[in-house]
């Protein structure tokens, strides 16, 4: 599962410590850009990949813990120090 999460983050160009809000924002941006109705059917495959990547990230809100084996407190400290 961790490999899927890493691939999804990389595919959607999302930094590993992004919030769920940031992931959703990037998903909306990419889905608008590659939606088949807006751009023609040539981007249908890309749109499906974006939806699959978002589904993986949405189903795993604790992905940061899985990726880095960090506690919530450690992640909070990292985010506060950015």
N, C-alpha and C. Protein backbone atom coordinates (compact mmCIF):
# COMPACT_ATOMS: atom_id res chain seq x y z
N UNK A 1 0.82 -1.20 0.00
CA UNK A 1 0.00 0.00 0.00
C UNK A 1 0.86 1.26 0.00
N UNK A 2 2.00 1.20 0.67
CA UNK A 2 2.86 2.37 0.73
C UNK A 2 3.38 2.74 -0.65
N UNK A 3 3.67 1.75 -1.48
CA UNK A 3 4.13 2.03 -2.85
C UNK A 3 3.04 2.75 -3.63
N UNK A 4 1.78 2.32 -3.46
CA UNK A 4 0.67 2.98 -4.16
C UNK A 4 0.55 4.44 -3.72
N UNK A 5 0.71 4.68 -2.43
CA UNK A 5 0.59 6.04 -1.91
C UNK A 5 1.72 6.90 -2.46
N UNK A 6 2.93 6.38 -2.45
CA UNK A 6 4.07 7.15 -2.98
C UNK A 6 3.88 7.46 -4.46
N UNK A 7 3.41 6.47 -5.22
CA UNK A 7 3.17 6.70 -6.65
C UNK A 7 2.08 7.74 -6.87
N UNK A 8 1.03 7.69 -6.07
CA UNK A 8 -0.07 8.65 -6.20
C UNK A 8 0.41 10.06 -5.89
N UNK A 9 1.20 10.21 -4.83
CA UNK A 9 1.74 11.54 -4.49
C UNK A 9 2.63 12.06 -5.61
N UNK A 10 3.47 11.19 -6.13
CA UNK A 10 4.39 11.59 -7.20
C UNK A 10 3.62 11.94 -8.47
N UNK A 11 2.65 11.11 -8.82
CA UNK A 11 1.87 11.33 -10.03
C UNK A 11 1.12 12.65 -9.99
N UNK A 12 0.56 12.97 -8.83
CA UNK A 12 -0.21 14.20 -8.71
C UNK A 12 0.65 15.40 -8.32
N UNK A 13 1.96 15.19 -8.21
CA UNK A 13 2.91 16.25 -7.89
C UNK A 13 2.55 16.92 -6.56
N UNK A 14 2.40 16.09 -5.53
CA UNK A 14 2.02 16.55 -4.19
C UNK A 14 3.17 16.27 -3.23
N UNK A 15 3.61 17.28 -2.47
CA UNK A 15 4.65 17.03 -1.47
C UNK A 15 4.15 16.04 -0.41
N UNK A 16 5.03 15.21 0.12
CA UNK A 16 4.63 14.15 1.06
C UNK A 16 3.91 14.64 2.32
N UNK A 17 4.21 15.80 2.82
CA UNK A 17 3.58 16.26 4.05
C UNK A 17 2.43 17.23 3.79
N UNK A 18 1.81 17.11 2.64
CA UNK A 18 0.67 17.97 2.31
C UNK A 18 -0.55 17.59 3.12
N UNK A 19 -1.38 18.59 3.35
CA UNK A 19 -2.63 18.34 4.07
C UNK A 19 -3.66 17.73 3.12
N UNK A 20 -4.72 17.22 3.69
CA UNK A 20 -5.81 16.66 2.89
C UNK A 20 -6.43 17.76 2.01
N UNK A 21 -6.47 18.98 2.52
CA UNK A 21 -6.98 20.12 1.74
C UNK A 21 -6.13 20.35 0.50
N UNK A 22 -4.80 20.29 0.68
CA UNK A 22 -3.89 20.49 -0.45
C UNK A 22 -4.05 19.40 -1.50
N UNK A 23 -4.25 18.18 -1.03
CA UNK A 23 -4.44 17.06 -1.95
C UNK A 23 -5.72 17.27 -2.75
N UNK A 24 -6.78 17.68 -2.07
CA UNK A 24 -8.06 17.91 -2.75
C UNK A 24 -7.95 19.06 -3.75
N UNK A 25 -7.24 20.11 -3.38
CA UNK A 25 -7.03 21.26 -4.27
C UNK A 25 -6.29 20.83 -5.54
N UNK A 26 -5.24 20.03 -5.38
CA UNK A 26 -4.47 19.56 -6.52
C UNK A 26 -5.31 18.63 -7.39
N UNK A 27 -6.10 17.79 -6.75
CA UNK A 27 -6.99 16.89 -7.50
C UNK A 27 -7.96 17.69 -8.37
N UNK A 28 -8.59 18.70 -7.78
CA UNK A 28 -9.54 19.52 -8.54
C UNK A 28 -8.85 20.22 -9.71
N UNK A 29 -7.66 20.73 -9.45
CA UNK A 29 -6.91 21.43 -10.50
C UNK A 29 -6.59 20.47 -11.66
N UNK A 30 -6.09 19.29 -11.33
CA UNK A 30 -5.74 18.33 -12.38
C UNK A 30 -6.97 17.77 -13.08
N UNK A 31 -8.03 17.52 -12.33
CA UNK A 31 -9.22 16.96 -12.96
C UNK A 31 -9.87 17.96 -13.92
N UNK A 32 -9.81 19.24 -13.60
CA UNK A 32 -10.31 20.26 -14.53
C UNK A 32 -9.45 20.30 -15.79
N UNK A 33 -8.15 20.23 -15.57
CA UNK A 33 -7.21 20.32 -16.69
C UNK A 33 -7.35 19.14 -17.66
N UNK A 34 -7.59 17.95 -17.14
CA UNK A 34 -7.60 16.76 -17.98
C UNK A 34 -8.98 16.13 -18.16
N UNK A 35 -10.04 16.81 -17.79
CA UNK A 35 -11.38 16.25 -17.93
C UNK A 35 -11.69 16.06 -19.41
N UNK A 36 -12.18 14.87 -19.80
CA UNK A 36 -12.45 14.58 -21.21
C UNK A 36 -13.46 15.52 -21.86
N UNK A 37 -14.45 15.99 -21.11
CA UNK A 37 -15.44 16.89 -21.69
C UNK A 37 -14.84 18.26 -22.02
N UNK A 38 -13.86 18.66 -21.24
CA UNK A 38 -13.25 19.97 -21.45
C UNK A 38 -12.16 19.95 -22.51
N UNK A 39 -11.49 18.80 -22.66
CA UNK A 39 -10.33 18.77 -23.55
C UNK A 39 -10.46 17.78 -24.70
N UNK A 40 -11.51 17.03 -24.75
CA UNK A 40 -11.64 15.99 -25.76
C UNK A 40 -11.31 14.63 -25.16
N UNK A 41 -11.59 13.60 -25.88
CA UNK A 41 -11.45 12.25 -25.33
C UNK A 41 -9.99 11.78 -25.26
N UNK A 42 -9.04 12.55 -25.79
CA UNK A 42 -7.64 12.11 -25.80
C UNK A 42 -7.05 12.03 -24.39
N UNK A 43 -7.61 12.76 -23.43
CA UNK A 43 -7.09 12.76 -22.07
C UNK A 43 -7.89 11.86 -21.13
N UNK A 44 -8.71 11.00 -21.68
CA UNK A 44 -9.55 10.14 -20.87
C UNK A 44 -8.70 9.25 -19.95
N UNK A 45 -7.61 8.73 -20.45
CA UNK A 45 -6.75 7.85 -19.65
C UNK A 45 -6.09 8.62 -18.50
N UNK A 46 -5.62 9.81 -18.80
CA UNK A 46 -4.99 10.63 -17.76
C UNK A 46 -5.99 10.97 -16.67
N UNK A 47 -7.21 11.28 -17.06
CA UNK A 47 -8.26 11.60 -16.09
C UNK A 47 -8.53 10.41 -15.18
N UNK A 48 -8.54 9.21 -15.73
CA UNK A 48 -8.75 8.01 -14.92
C UNK A 48 -7.60 7.81 -13.94
N UNK A 49 -6.37 8.05 -14.38
CA UNK A 49 -5.22 7.93 -13.49
C UNK A 49 -5.30 8.93 -12.33
N UNK A 50 -5.73 10.14 -12.63
CA UNK A 50 -5.88 11.16 -11.59
C UNK A 50 -6.91 10.73 -10.57
N UNK A 51 -8.03 10.21 -11.04
CA UNK A 51 -9.08 9.74 -10.13
C UNK A 51 -8.61 8.56 -9.28
N UNK A 52 -7.84 7.66 -9.87
CA UNK A 52 -7.33 6.51 -9.12
C UNK A 52 -6.33 6.97 -8.05
N UNK A 53 -5.46 7.89 -8.40
CA UNK A 53 -4.48 8.39 -7.45
C UNK A 53 -5.17 9.11 -6.29
N UNK A 54 -6.17 9.90 -6.60
CA UNK A 54 -6.91 10.61 -5.56
C UNK A 54 -7.65 9.62 -4.66
N UNK A 55 -8.20 8.57 -5.24
CA UNK A 55 -8.91 7.56 -4.45
C UNK A 55 -7.97 6.88 -3.46
N UNK A 56 -6.75 6.60 -3.88
CA UNK A 56 -5.77 5.98 -2.98
C UNK A 56 -5.46 6.93 -1.82
N UNK A 57 -5.25 8.19 -2.12
CA UNK A 57 -4.90 9.16 -1.08
C UNK A 57 -6.09 9.47 -0.17
N UNK A 58 -7.28 9.52 -0.73
CA UNK A 58 -8.47 9.82 0.05
C UNK A 58 -8.80 8.69 1.03
N UNK A 59 -8.57 7.46 0.60
CA UNK A 59 -8.86 6.32 1.46
C UNK A 59 -7.82 6.13 2.55
N UNK A 60 -6.70 6.80 2.44
CA UNK A 60 -5.61 6.63 3.39
C UNK A 60 -5.19 7.96 4.00
N UNK A 61 -6.05 8.56 4.83
CA UNK A 61 -5.70 9.87 5.39
C UNK A 61 -4.50 9.81 6.33
N UNK A 62 -4.14 8.63 6.78
CA UNK A 62 -2.99 8.50 7.66
C UNK A 62 -1.72 8.18 6.86
N UNK A 63 -1.70 8.52 5.57
CA UNK A 63 -0.57 8.14 4.71
C UNK A 63 0.76 8.67 5.22
N UNK A 64 0.76 9.81 5.88
CA UNK A 64 2.02 10.35 6.40
C UNK A 64 2.64 9.42 7.44
N UNK A 65 1.80 8.87 8.27
CA UNK A 65 2.28 7.94 9.30
C UNK A 65 2.86 6.69 8.63
N UNK A 66 2.18 6.20 7.61
CA UNK A 66 2.62 4.99 6.93
C UNK A 66 3.92 5.23 6.17
N UNK A 67 4.02 6.38 5.51
CA UNK A 67 5.20 6.66 4.71
C UNK A 67 6.45 6.87 5.55
N UNK A 68 6.31 7.58 6.61
CA UNK A 68 7.48 7.99 7.37
C UNK A 68 7.58 7.36 8.75
N UNK A 69 6.57 6.55 9.10
CA UNK A 69 6.54 5.89 10.40
C UNK A 69 6.74 6.91 11.52
N UNK A 70 6.05 8.03 11.40
CA UNK A 70 6.14 9.10 12.39
C UNK A 70 4.88 9.13 13.23
N UNK A 71 5.02 9.59 14.42
CA UNK A 71 3.85 9.78 15.26
C UNK A 71 3.17 11.09 14.87
N UNK A 72 1.94 11.26 15.29
CA UNK A 72 1.22 12.49 14.98
C UNK A 72 1.96 13.71 15.53
N UNK A 73 2.51 13.59 16.73
CA UNK A 73 3.24 14.70 17.34
C UNK A 73 4.47 15.08 16.54
N UNK A 74 5.19 14.10 16.00
CA UNK A 74 6.37 14.39 15.19
C UNK A 74 5.98 15.12 13.90
N UNK A 75 4.89 14.69 13.30
CA UNK A 75 4.43 15.35 12.07
C UNK A 75 3.99 16.77 12.37
N UNK A 76 3.28 16.95 13.47
CA UNK A 76 2.82 18.28 13.86
C UNK A 76 4.01 19.22 14.06
N UNK A 77 5.08 18.73 14.70
CA UNK A 77 6.28 19.55 14.91
C UNK A 77 6.92 19.91 13.57
N UNK A 78 6.97 18.95 12.65
CA UNK A 78 7.56 19.23 11.35
C UNK A 78 6.76 20.30 10.61
N UNK A 79 5.44 20.19 10.64
CA UNK A 79 4.59 21.17 9.95
C UNK A 79 4.69 22.54 10.60
N UNK A 80 4.79 22.59 11.92
CA UNK A 80 4.89 23.86 12.61
C UNK A 80 6.21 24.56 12.32
N UNK A 81 7.24 23.80 12.00
CA UNK A 81 8.56 24.38 11.76
C UNK A 81 8.78 24.77 10.30
N UNK A 82 7.80 24.53 9.44
CA UNK A 82 7.95 24.90 8.02
C UNK A 82 7.83 26.40 7.83
